[in-house]
Amino acid sequence: MTNEPKLIPKISYKGVFIFLIILFAGVYLIPILLNFLGLPKSVSYFLAAGISSSIALILILTKIDAKKGDEVYFKKRIIISIIVGFTTSALMTFVYGGDVID
């Protein structure tokens, strides 16, 4: 077993806690601003969850749980974070949460 850096590292409890705080705050605050701009509720919740989860994942994977020598994976981690953030946001909003939003 080597100590080579991994593309997706293990995430600590602190990282999970910070992820949840950022996600809950983003899903609570961002839709208010987007609804003020005239976007429908479902679209504003989709964008809010996608933006906040992507920001949280990027922060955790590149700052909080990153180790020395992981810098080579930062761009890939950012791309993966954005893809995962908006994919799960679409699932939560349009597939599983449609009856809750309306």
PDB file of N, CA and C in Angstrom:
ATOM      1  N   MET A   1       0.841  -1.176   0.000  1.00  0.00           N
ATOM      2  CA  MET A   1       0.000   0.000   0.000  1.00  0.00           C
ATOM      3  C   MET A   1       0.888   1.242   0.000  1.00  0.00           C
ATOM      4  N   THR A   2       0.709   2.100  -0.980  1.00  0.00           N
ATOM      5  CA  THR A   2       1.537   3.292  -1.092  1.00  0.00           C
ATOM      6  C   THR A   2       0.766   4.519  -0.615  1.00  0.00           C
ATOM      7  N   ASN A   3       1.491   5.579  -0.404  1.00  0.00           N
ATOM      8  CA  ASN A   3       0.883   6.834   0.027  1.00  0.00           C
ATOM      9  C   ASN A   3       0.696   7.796  -1.140  1.00  0.00           C
ATOM     10  N   GLU A   4       0.405   7.277  -2.315  1.00  0.00           N
ATOM     11  CA  GLU A   4       0.176   8.128  -3.469  1.00  0.00           C
ATOM     12  C   GLU A   4      -1.165   8.838  -3.317  1.00  0.00           C
ATOM     13  N   PRO A   5      -1.249  10.086  -3.785  1.00  0.00           N
ATOM     14  CA  PRO A   5      -2.527  10.793  -3.697  1.00  0.00           C
ATOM     15  C   PRO A   5      -3.570  10.149  -4.605  1.00  0.00           C
ATOM     16  N   LYS A   6      -4.828  10.232  -4.196  1.00  0.00           N
ATOM     17  CA  LYS A   6      -5.932   9.661  -4.959  1.00  0.00           C
ATOM     18  C   LYS A   6      -6.757  10.786  -5.558  1.00  0.00           C
ATOM     19  N   LEU A   7      -7.454  10.469  -6.646  1.00  0.00           N
ATOM     20  CA  LEU A   7      -8.315  11.464  -7.277  1.00  0.00           C
ATOM     21  C   LEU A   7      -9.449  11.863  -6.337  1.00  0.00           C
ATOM     22  N   ILE A   8     -10.087  10.891  -5.709  1.00  0.00           N
ATOM     23  CA  ILE A   8     -11.139  11.150  -4.728  1.00  0.00           C
ATOM     24  C   ILE A   8     -10.642  10.659  -3.371  1.00  0.00           C
ATOM     25  N   PRO A   9     -10.260  11.579  -2.489  1.00  0.00           N
ATOM     26  CA  PRO A   9      -9.729  11.159  -1.187  1.00  0.00           C
ATOM     27  C   PRO A   9     -10.849  10.798  -0.221  1.00  0.00           C
ATOM     28  N   LYS A  10     -10.465  10.201   0.888  1.00  0.00           N
ATOM     29  CA  LYS A  10     -11.434   9.966   1.953  1.00  0.00           C
ATOM     30  C   LYS A  10     -11.822  11.315   2.542  1.00  0.00           C
ATOM     31  N   ILE A  11     -13.089  11.439   2.894  1.00  0.00           N
ATOM     32  CA  ILE A  11     -13.585  12.695   3.448  1.00  0.00           C
ATOM     33  C   ILE A  11     -13.796  12.520   4.942  1.00  0.00           C
ATOM     34  N   SER A  12     -13.319  13.474   5.707  1.00  0.00           N
ATOM     35  CA  SER A  12     -13.411  13.401   7.165  1.00  0.00           C
ATOM     36  C   SER A  12     -14.807  13.804   7.644  1.00  0.00           C
ATOM     37  N   TYR A  13     -15.049  13.563   8.932  1.00  0.00           N
ATOM     38  CA  TYR A  13     -16.319  13.982   9.536  1.00  0.00           C
ATOM     39  C   TYR A  13     -16.462  15.499   9.495  1.00  0.00           C
ATOM     40  N   LYS A  14     -15.359  16.186   9.666  1.00  0.00           N
ATOM     41  CA  LYS A  14     -15.372  17.649   9.584  1.00  0.00           C
ATOM     42  C   LYS A  14     -15.791  18.094   8.185  1.00  0.00           C
ATOM     43  N   GLY A  15     -15.294  17.410   7.155  1.00  0.00           N
ATOM     44  CA  GLY A  15     -15.673  17.726   5.785  1.00  0.00           C
ATOM     45  C   GLY A  15     -17.145  17.494   5.522  1.00  0.00           C
ATOM     46  N   VAL A  16     -17.682  16.400   6.056  1.00  0.00           N
ATOM     47  CA  VAL A  16     -19.110  16.104   5.886  1.00  0.00           C
ATOM     48  C   VAL A  16     -19.953  17.163   6.586  1.00  0.00           C
ATOM     49  N   PHE A  17     -19.554  17.542   7.789  1.00  0.00           N
ATOM     50  CA  PHE A  17     -20.288  18.558   8.544  1.00  0.00           C
ATOM     51  C   PHE A  17     -20.294  19.890   7.793  1.00  0.00           C
ATOM     52  N   ILE A  18     -19.149  20.306   7.278  1.00  0.00           N
ATOM     53  CA  ILE A  18     -19.064  21.561   6.526  1.00  0.00           C
ATOM     54  C   ILE A  18     -19.873  21.469   5.239  1.00  0.00           C
ATOM     55  N   PHE A  19     -19.847  20.309   4.576  1.00  0.00           N
ATOM     56  CA  PHE A  19     -20.649  20.109   3.372  1.00  0.00           C
ATOM     57  C   PHE A  19     -22.131  20.312   3.674  1.00  0.00           C
ATOM     58  N   LEU A  20     -22.612  19.702   4.739  1.00  0.00           N
ATOM     59  CA  LEU A  20     -24.027  19.827   5.090  1.00  0.00           C
ATOM     60  C   LEU A  20     -24.403  21.257   5.453  1.00  0.00           C
ATOM     61  N   ILE A  21     -23.545  21.942   6.179  1.00  0.00           N
ATOM     62  CA  ILE A  21     -23.820  23.340   6.544  1.00  0.00           C
ATOM     63  C   ILE A  21     -23.923  24.207   5.290  1.00  0.00           C
ATOM     64  N   ILE A  22     -22.965  24.067   4.364  1.00  0.00           N
ATOM     65  CA  ILE A  22     -22.983  24.865   3.136  1.00  0.00           C
ATOM     66  C   ILE A  22     -24.194  24.504   2.285  1.00  0.00           C
ATOM     67  N   LEU A  23     -24.521  23.219   2.187  1.00  0.00           N
ATOM     68  CA  LEU A  23     -25.660  22.795   1.380  1.00  0.00           C
ATOM     69  C   LEU A  23     -26.969  23.332   1.951  1.00  0.00           C
ATOM     70  N   PHE A  24     -27.184  23.191   3.250  1.00  0.00           N
ATOM     71  CA  PHE A  24     -28.424  23.685   3.856  1.00  0.00           C
ATOM     72  C   PHE A  24     -28.538  25.205   3.736  1.00  0.00           C
ATOM     73  N   ALA A  25     -27.444  25.912   3.977  1.00  0.00           N
ATOM     74  CA  ALA A  25     -27.470  27.374   3.866  1.00  0.00           C
ATOM     75  C   ALA A  25     -27.744  27.806   2.427  1.00  0.00           C
ATOM     76  N   GLY A  26     -27.112  27.124   1.472  1.00  0.00           N
ATOM     77  CA  GLY A  26     -27.320  27.470   0.068  1.00  0.00           C
ATOM     78  C   GLY A  26     -28.722  27.184  -0.413  1.00  0.00           C
ATOM     79  N   VAL A  27     -29.275  26.044  -0.012  1.00  0.00           N
ATOM     80  CA  VAL A  27     -30.630  25.689  -0.442  1.00  0.00           C
ATOM     81  C   VAL A  27     -31.663  26.579   0.255  1.00  0.00           C
ATOM     82  N   TYR A  28     -31.308  27.126   1.386  1.00  0.00           N
ATOM     83  CA  TYR A  28     -32.225  28.024   2.088  1.00  0.00           C
ATOM     84  C   TYR A  28     -32.147  29.453   1.543  1.00  0.00           C
ATOM     85  N   LEU A  29     -30.949  29.954   1.250  1.00  0.00           N
ATOM     86  CA  LEU A  29     -30.776  31.361   0.893  1.00  0.00           C
ATOM     87  C   LEU A  29     -30.820  31.652  -0.605  1.00  0.00           C
ATOM     88  N   ILE A  30     -30.208  30.821  -1.417  1.00  0.00           N
ATOM     89  CA  ILE A  30     -30.101  31.111  -2.851  1.00  0.00           C
ATOM     90  C   ILE A  30     -31.463  31.130  -3.553  1.00  0.00           C
ATOM     91  N   PRO A  31     -32.411  30.220  -3.255  1.00  0.00           N
ATOM     92  CA  PRO A  31     -33.707  30.299  -3.948  1.00  0.00           C
ATOM     93  C   PRO A  31     -34.469  31.599  -3.693  1.00  0.00           C
ATOM     94  N   ILE A  32     -34.252  32.225  -2.555  1.00  0.00           N
ATOM     95  CA  ILE A  32     -34.909  33.507  -2.284  1.00  0.00           C
ATOM     96  C   ILE A  32     -34.454  34.542  -3.311  1.00  0.00           C
ATOM     97  N   LEU A  33     -33.152  34.582  -3.565  1.00  0.00           N
ATOM     98  CA  LEU A  33     -32.624  35.524  -4.553  1.00  0.00           C
ATOM     99  C   LEU A  33     -33.081  35.177  -5.965  1.00  0.00           C
ATOM    100  N   LEU A  34     -33.089  33.886  -6.291  1.00  0.00           N
ATOM    101  CA  LEU A  34     -33.476  33.477  -7.640  1.00  0.00           C
ATOM    102  C   LEU A  34     -34.969  33.666  -7.882  1.00  0.00           C
ATOM    103  N   ASN A  35     -35.804  33.455  -6.863  1.00  0.00           N
ATOM    104  CA  ASN A  35     -37.236  33.720  -7.006  1.00  0.00           C
ATOM    105  C   ASN A  35     -37.491  35.212  -7.176  1.00  0.00           C
ATOM    106  N   PHE A  36     -36.691  36.029  -6.520  1.00  0.00           N
ATOM    107  CA  PHE A  36     -36.792  37.480  -6.670  1.00  0.00           C
ATOM    108  C   PHE A  36     -36.499  37.891  -8.111  1.00  0.00           C
ATOM    109  N   LEU A  37     -35.628  37.149  -8.786  1.00  0.00           N
ATOM    110  CA  LEU A  37     -35.306  37.429 -10.185  1.00  0.00           C
ATOM    111  C   LEU A  37     -36.359  36.897 -11.146  1.00  0.00           C
ATOM    112  N   GLY A  38     -37.337  36.147 -10.632  1.00  0.00           N
ATOM    113  CA  GLY A  38     -38.434  35.671 -11.464  1.00  0.00           C
ATOM    114  C   GLY A  38     -38.309  34.243 -11.951  1.00  0.00           C
ATOM    115  N   LEU A  39     -37.353  33.494 -11.462  1.00  0.00           N
ATOM    116  CA  LEU A  39     -37.218  32.096 -11.875  1.00  0.00           C
ATOM    117  C   LEU A  39     -38.254  31.235 -11.163  1.00  0.00           C
ATOM    118  N   PRO A  40     -38.733  30.179 -11.813  1.00  0.00           N
ATOM    119  CA  PRO A  40     -39.672  29.267 -11.141  1.00  0.00           C
ATOM    120  C   PRO A  40     -39.012  28.568  -9.951  1.00  0.00           C
ATOM    121  N   LYS A  41     -39.856  28.075  -9.034  1.00  0.00           N
ATOM    122  CA  LYS A  41     -39.335  27.443  -7.817  1.00  0.00           C
ATOM    123  C   LYS A  41     -38.440  26.250  -8.123  1.00  0.00           C
ATOM    124  N   SER A  42     -38.871  25.387  -9.046  1.00  0.00           N
ATOM    125  CA  SER A  42     -38.095  24.174  -9.318  1.00  0.00           C
ATOM    126  C   SER A  42     -36.715  24.511  -9.880  1.00  0.00           C
ATOM    127  N   VAL A  43     -36.651  25.489 -10.766  1.00  0.00           N
ATOM    128  CA  VAL A  43     -35.367  25.885 -11.347  1.00  0.00           C
ATOM    129  C   VAL A  43     -34.479  26.541 -10.294  1.00  0.00           C
ATOM    130  N   SER A  44     -35.073  27.364  -9.442  1.00  0.00           N
ATOM    131  CA  SER A  44     -34.258  28.028  -8.420  1.00  0.00           C
ATOM    132  C   SER A  44     -33.727  27.027  -7.401  1.00  0.00           C
ATOM    133  N   TYR A  45     -34.512  26.011  -7.045  1.00  0.00           N
ATOM    134  CA  TYR A  45     -34.005  24.983  -6.127  1.00  0.00           C
ATOM    135  C   TYR A  45     -32.937  24.122  -6.798  1.00  0.00           C
ATOM    136  N   PHE A  46     -33.121  23.836  -8.088  1.00  0.00           N
ATOM    137  CA  PHE A  46     -32.105  23.081  -8.827  1.00  0.00           C
ATOM    138  C   PHE A  46     -30.779  23.834  -8.845  1.00  0.00           C
ATOM    139  N   LEU A  47     -30.829  25.114  -9.200  1.00  0.00           N
ATOM    140  CA  LEU A  47     -29.599  25.905  -9.249  1.00  0.00           C
ATOM    141  C   LEU A  47     -28.987  26.086  -7.863  1.00  0.00           C
ATOM    142  N   ALA A  48     -29.823  26.293  -6.859  1.00  0.00           N
ATOM    143  CA  ALA A  48     -29.314  26.491  -5.497  1.00  0.00           C
ATOM    144  C   ALA A  48     -28.607  25.244  -4.986  1.00  0.00           C
ATOM    145  N   ALA A  49     -29.223  24.089  -5.170  1.00  0.00           N
ATOM    146  CA  ALA A  49     -28.603  22.845  -4.708  1.00  0.00           C
ATOM    147  C   ALA A  49     -27.339  22.538  -5.509  1.00  0.00           C
ATOM    148  N   GLY A  50     -27.368  22.781  -6.808  1.00  0.00           N
ATOM    149  CA  GLY A  50     -26.189  22.532  -7.636  1.00  0.00           C
ATOM    150  C   GLY A  50     -25.026  23.432  -7.291  1.00  0.00           C
ATOM    151  N   ILE A  51     -25.310  24.715  -7.137  1.00  0.00           N
ATOM    152  CA  ILE A  51     -24.247  25.671  -6.812  1.00  0.00           C
ATOM    153  C   ILE A  51     -23.670  25.399  -5.430  1.00  0.00           C
ATOM    154  N   SER A  52     -24.541  25.230  -4.436  1.00  0.00           N
ATOM    155  CA  SER A  52     -24.036  25.061  -3.068  1.00  0.00           C
ATOM    156  C   SER A  52     -23.319  23.729  -2.879  1.00  0.00           C
ATOM    157  N   SER A  53     -23.824  22.655  -3.486  1.00  0.00           N
ATOM    158  CA  SER A  53     -23.123  21.376  -3.337  1.00  0.00           C
ATOM    159  C   SER A  53     -21.801  21.372  -4.100  1.00  0.00           C
ATOM    160  N   SER A  54     -21.753  22.021  -5.251  1.00  0.00           N
ATOM    161  CA  SER A  54     -20.491  22.110  -5.992  1.00  0.00           C
ATOM    162  C   SER A  54     -19.452  22.917  -5.225  1.00  0.00           C
ATOM    163  N   ILE A  55     -19.868  24.045  -4.669  1.00  0.00           N
ATOM    164  CA  ILE A  55     -18.942  24.863  -3.885  1.00  0.00           C
ATOM    165  C   ILE A  55     -18.453  24.095  -2.666  1.00  0.00           C
ATOM    166  N   ALA A  56     -19.369  23.403  -1.996  1.00  0.00           N
ATOM    167  CA  ALA A  56     -18.984  22.642  -0.800  1.00  0.00           C
ATOM    168  C   ALA A  56     -18.010  21.520  -1.149  1.00  0.00           C
ATOM    169  N   LEU A  57     -18.291  20.780  -2.221  1.00  0.00           N
ATOM    170  CA  LEU A  57     -17.388  19.696  -2.618  1.00  0.00           C
ATOM    171  C   LEU A  57     -16.019  20.223  -3.027  1.00  0.00           C
ATOM    172  N   ILE A  58     -16.002  21.319  -3.773  1.00  0.00           N
ATOM    173  CA  ILE A  58     -14.721  21.902  -4.180  1.00  0.00           C
ATOM    174  C   ILE A  58     -13.922  22.331  -2.957  1.00  0.00           C
ATOM    175  N   LEU A  59     -14.570  22.980  -2.010  1.00  0.00           N
ATOM    176  CA  LEU A  59     -13.898  23.424  -0.792  1.00  0.00           C
ATOM    177  C   LEU A  59     -13.337  22.245  -0.004  1.00  0.00           C
ATOM    178  N   ILE A  60     -14.122  21.207   0.131  1.00  0.00           N
ATOM    179  CA  ILE A  60     -13.689  20.054   0.921  1.00  0.00           C
ATOM    180  C   ILE A  60     -12.570  19.287   0.219  1.00  0.00           C
ATOM    181  N   LEU A  61     -12.735  19.040  -1.077  1.00  0.00           N
ATOM    182  CA  LEU A  61     -11.748  18.225  -1.787  1.00  0.00           C
ATOM    183  C   LEU A  61     -10.438  18.951  -2.053  1.00  0.00           C
ATOM    184  N   THR A  62     -10.453  20.279  -2.113  1.00  0.00           N
ATOM    185  CA  THR A  62      -9.223  21.000  -2.429  1.00  0.00           C
ATOM    186  C   THR A  62      -8.598  21.718  -1.240  1.00  0.00           C
ATOM    187  N   LYS A  63      -9.351  21.963  -0.189  1.00  0.00           N
ATOM    188  CA  LYS A  63      -8.804  22.708   0.953  1.00  0.00           C
ATOM    189  C   LYS A  63      -8.813  21.902   2.249  1.00  0.00           C
ATOM    190  N   ILE A  64      -9.955  21.367   2.637  1.00  0.00           N
ATOM    191  CA  ILE A  64     -10.095  20.771   3.966  1.00  0.00           C
ATOM    192  C   ILE A  64      -9.466  19.386   4.043  1.00  0.00           C
ATOM    193  N   ASP A  65      -9.821  18.495   3.129  1.00  0.00           N
ATOM    194  CA  ASP A  65      -9.327  17.122   3.199  1.00  0.00           C
ATOM    195  C   ASP A  65      -8.202  16.828   2.213  1.00  0.00           C
ATOM    196  N   ALA A  66      -7.669  17.843   1.557  1.00  0.00           N
ATOM    197  CA  ALA A  66      -6.558  17.633   0.630  1.00  0.00           C
ATOM    198  C   ALA A  66      -5.254  17.489   1.410  1.00  0.00           C
ATOM    199  N   LYS A  67      -4.387  16.671   0.877  1.00  0.00           N
ATOM    200  CA  LYS A  67      -3.078  16.466   1.499  1.00  0.00           C
ATOM    201  C   LYS A  67      -2.003  17.073   0.605  1.00  0.00           C
ATOM    202  N   LYS A  68      -0.833  17.189   1.152  1.00  0.00           N
ATOM    203  CA  LYS A  68       0.287  17.717   0.381  1.00  0.00           C
ATOM    204  C   LYS A  68       0.563  16.779  -0.799  1.00  0.00           C
ATOM    205  N   GLY A  69       0.746  17.334  -1.956  1.00  0.00           N
ATOM    206  CA  GLY A  69       0.989  16.533  -3.143  1.00  0.00           C
ATOM    207  C   GLY A  69      -0.265  16.265  -3.955  1.00  0.00           C
ATOM    208  N   ASP A  70      -1.417  16.715  -3.478  1.00  0.00           N
ATOM    209  CA  ASP A  70      -2.672  16.506  -4.198  1.00  0.00           C
ATOM    210  C   ASP A  70      -2.957  17.589  -5.233  1.00  0.00           C
ATOM    211  N   GLU A  71      -2.083  18.574  -5.351  1.00  0.00           N
ATOM    212  CA  GLU A  71      -2.341  19.708  -6.232  1.00  0.00           C
ATOM    213  C   GLU A  71      -2.548  19.296  -7.684  1.00  0.00           C
ATOM    214  N   VAL A  72      -1.960  18.184  -8.092  1.00  0.00           N
ATOM    215  CA  VAL A  72      -2.095  17.743  -9.483  1.00  0.00           C
ATOM    216  C   VAL A  72      -3.528  17.323  -9.797  1.00  0.00           C
ATOM    217  N   TYR A  73      -4.312  16.998  -8.779  1.00  0.00           N
ATOM    218  CA  TYR A  73      -5.682  16.539  -8.984  1.00  0.00           C
ATOM    219  C   TYR A  73      -6.726  17.636  -8.800  1.00  0.00           C
ATOM    220  N   PHE A  74      -6.326  18.861  -8.495  1.00  0.00           N
ATOM    221  CA  PHE A  74      -7.294  19.904  -8.165  1.00  0.00           C
ATOM    222  C   PHE A  74      -8.257  20.197  -9.314  1.00  0.00           C
ATOM    223  N   LYS A  75      -7.758  20.323 -10.541  1.00  0.00           N
ATOM    224  CA  LYS A  75      -8.645  20.615 -11.678  1.00  0.00           C
ATOM    225  C   LYS A  75      -9.641  19.484 -11.901  1.00  0.00           C
ATOM    226  N   LYS A  76      -9.169  18.247 -11.812  1.00  0.00           N
ATOM    227  CA  LYS A  76     -10.064  17.100 -11.987  1.00  0.00           C
ATOM    228  C   LYS A  76     -11.098  17.047 -10.870  1.00  0.00           C
ATOM    229  N   ARG A  77     -10.685  17.364  -9.657  1.00  0.00           N
ATOM    230  CA  ARG A  77     -11.619  17.352  -8.525  1.00  0.00           C
ATOM    231  C   ARG A  77     -12.675  18.440  -8.671  1.00  0.00           C
ATOM    232  N   ILE A  78     -12.293  19.586  -9.189  1.00  0.00           N
ATOM    233  CA  ILE A  78     -13.261  20.664  -9.404  1.00  0.00           C
ATOM    234  C   ILE A  78     -14.281  20.251 -10.454  1.00  0.00           C
ATOM    235  N   ILE A  79     -13.823  19.655 -11.549  1.00  0.00           N
ATOM    236  CA  ILE A  79     -14.739  19.202 -12.602  1.00  0.00           C
ATOM    237  C   ILE A  79     -15.667  18.116 -12.074  1.00  0.00           C
ATOM    238  N   ILE A  80     -15.133  17.158 -11.338  1.00  0.00           N
ATOM    239  CA  ILE A  80     -15.957  16.093 -10.763  1.00  0.00           C
ATOM    240  C   ILE A  80     -16.960  16.671  -9.772  1.00  0.00           C
ATOM    241  N   SER A  81     -16.553  17.650  -8.986  1.00  0.00           N
ATOM    242  CA  SER A  81     -17.453  18.268  -8.010  1.00  0.00           C
ATOM    243  C   SER A  81     -18.623  18.962  -8.693  1.00  0.00           C
ATOM    244  N   ILE A  82     -18.366  19.662  -9.766  1.00  0.00           N
ATOM    245  CA  ILE A  82     -19.441  20.347 -10.485  1.00  0.00           C
ATOM    246  C   ILE A  82     -20.391  19.339 -11.121  1.00  0.00           C
ATOM    247  N   ILE A  83     -19.847  18.293 -11.732  1.00  0.00           N
ATOM    248  CA  ILE A  83     -20.696  17.269 -12.356  1.00  0.00           C
ATOM    249  C   ILE A  83     -21.550  16.567 -11.313  1.00  0.00           C
ATOM    250  N   VAL A  84     -20.941  16.133 -10.221  1.00  0.00           N
ATOM    251  CA  VAL A  84     -21.687  15.434  -9.165  1.00  0.00           C
ATOM    252  C   VAL A  84     -22.702  16.369  -8.519  1.00  0.00           C
ATOM    253  N   GLY A  85     -22.318  17.615  -8.268  1.00  0.00           N
ATOM    254  CA  GLY A  85     -23.219  18.570  -7.632  1.00  0.00           C
ATOM    255  C   GLY A  85     -24.477  18.817  -8.438  1.00  0.00           C
ATOM    256  N   PHE A  86     -24.333  19.072  -9.730  1.00  0.00           N
ATOM    257  CA  PHE A  86     -25.510  19.366 -10.540  1.00  0.00           C
ATOM    258  C   PHE A  86     -26.298  18.113 -10.910  1.00  0.00           C
ATOM    259  N   THR A  87     -25.641  16.956 -11.005  1.00  0.00           N
ATOM    260  CA  THR A  87     -26.369  15.712 -11.266  1.00  0.00           C
ATOM    261  C   THR A  87     -27.247  15.342 -10.084  1.00  0.00           C
ATOM    262  N   THR A  88     -26.701  15.389  -8.888  1.00  0.00           N
ATOM    263  CA  THR A  88     -27.516  15.072  -7.713  1.00  0.00           C
ATOM    264  C   THR A  88     -28.581  16.137  -7.482  1.00  0.00           C
ATOM    265  N   SER A  89     -28.284  17.369  -7.824  1.00  0.00           N
ATOM    266  CA  SER A  89     -29.281  18.426  -7.711  1.00  0.00           C
ATOM    267  C   SER A  89     -30.452  18.173  -8.656  1.00  0.00           C
ATOM    268  N   ALA A  90     -30.163  17.744  -9.872  1.00  0.00           N
ATOM    269  CA  ALA A  90     -31.234  17.428 -10.817  1.00  0.00           C
ATOM    270  C   ALA A  90     -32.067  16.250 -10.326  1.00  0.00           C
ATOM    271  N   LEU A  91     -31.409  15.232  -9.784  1.00  0.00           N
ATOM    272  CA  LEU A  91     -32.158  14.092  -9.241  1.00  0.00           C
ATOM    273  C   LEU A  91     -33.040  14.514  -8.076  1.00  0.00           C
ATOM    274  N   MET A  92     -32.484  15.298  -7.150  1.00  0.00           N
ATOM    275  CA  MET A  92     -33.259  15.733  -5.986  1.00  0.00           C
ATOM    276  C   MET A  92     -34.432  16.619  -6.389  1.00  0.00           C
ATOM    277  N   THR A  93     -34.229  17.488  -7.349  1.00  0.00           N
ATOM    278  CA  THR A  93     -35.246  18.473  -7.686  1.00  0.00           C
ATOM    279  C   THR A  93     -36.297  17.924  -8.638  1.00  0.00           C
ATOM    280  N   PHE A  94     -35.875  17.337  -9.739  1.00  0.00           N
ATOM    281  CA  PHE A  94     -36.820  16.992 -10.790  1.00  0.00           C
ATOM    282  C   PHE A  94     -37.336  15.558 -10.714  1.00  0.00           C
ATOM    283  N   VAL A  95     -36.562  14.635 -10.168  1.00  0.00           N
ATOM    284  CA  VAL A  95     -37.003  13.242 -10.116  1.00  0.00           C
ATOM    285  C   VAL A  95     -37.701  12.937  -8.803  1.00  0.00           C
ATOM    286  N   TYR A  96     -37.053  13.278  -7.687  1.00  0.00           N
ATOM    287  CA  TYR A  96     -37.593  12.887  -6.385  1.00  0.00           C
ATOM    288  C   TYR A  96     -38.329  14.006  -5.660  1.00  0.00           C
ATOM    289  N   GLY A  97     -38.100  15.255  -6.007  1.00  0.00           N
ATOM    290  CA  GLY A  97     -38.665  16.343  -5.226  1.00  0.00           C
ATOM    291  C   GLY A  97     -39.750  17.141  -5.903  1.00  0.00           C
ATOM    292  N   GLY A  98     -40.256  16.673  -7.025  1.00  0.00           N
ATOM    293  CA  GLY A  98     -41.265  17.432  -7.752  1.00  0.00           C
ATOM    294  C   GLY A  98     -42.539  17.664  -6.976  1.00  0.00           C
ATOM    295  N   ASP A  99     -42.971  16.680  -6.207  1.00  0.00           N
ATOM    296  CA  ASP A  99     -44.209  16.839  -5.452  1.00  0.00           C
ATOM    297  C   ASP A  99     -44.018  17.720  -4.223  1.00  0.00           C
ATOM    298  N   VAL A 100     -42.809  17.850  -3.737  1.00  0.00           N
ATOM    299  CA  VAL A 100     -42.548  18.677  -2.559  1.00  0.00           C
ATOM    300  C   VAL A 100     -42.479  20.151  -2.941  1.00  0.00           C
ATOM    301  N   ILE A 101     -41.905  20.458  -4.099  1.00  0.00           N
ATOM    302  CA  ILE A 101     -41.697  21.844  -4.516  1.00  0.00           C
ATOM    303  C   ILE A 101     -43.009  22.512  -4.901  1.00  0.00           C
ATOM    304  N   ASP A 102     -43.849  21.823  -5.644  1.00  0.00           N
ATOM    305  CA  ASP A 102     -45.088  22.456  -6.138  1.00  0.00           C
ATOM    306  C   ASP A 102     -46.105  22.662  -5.100  1.00  0.00           C
TER     307      ASP A 102
END
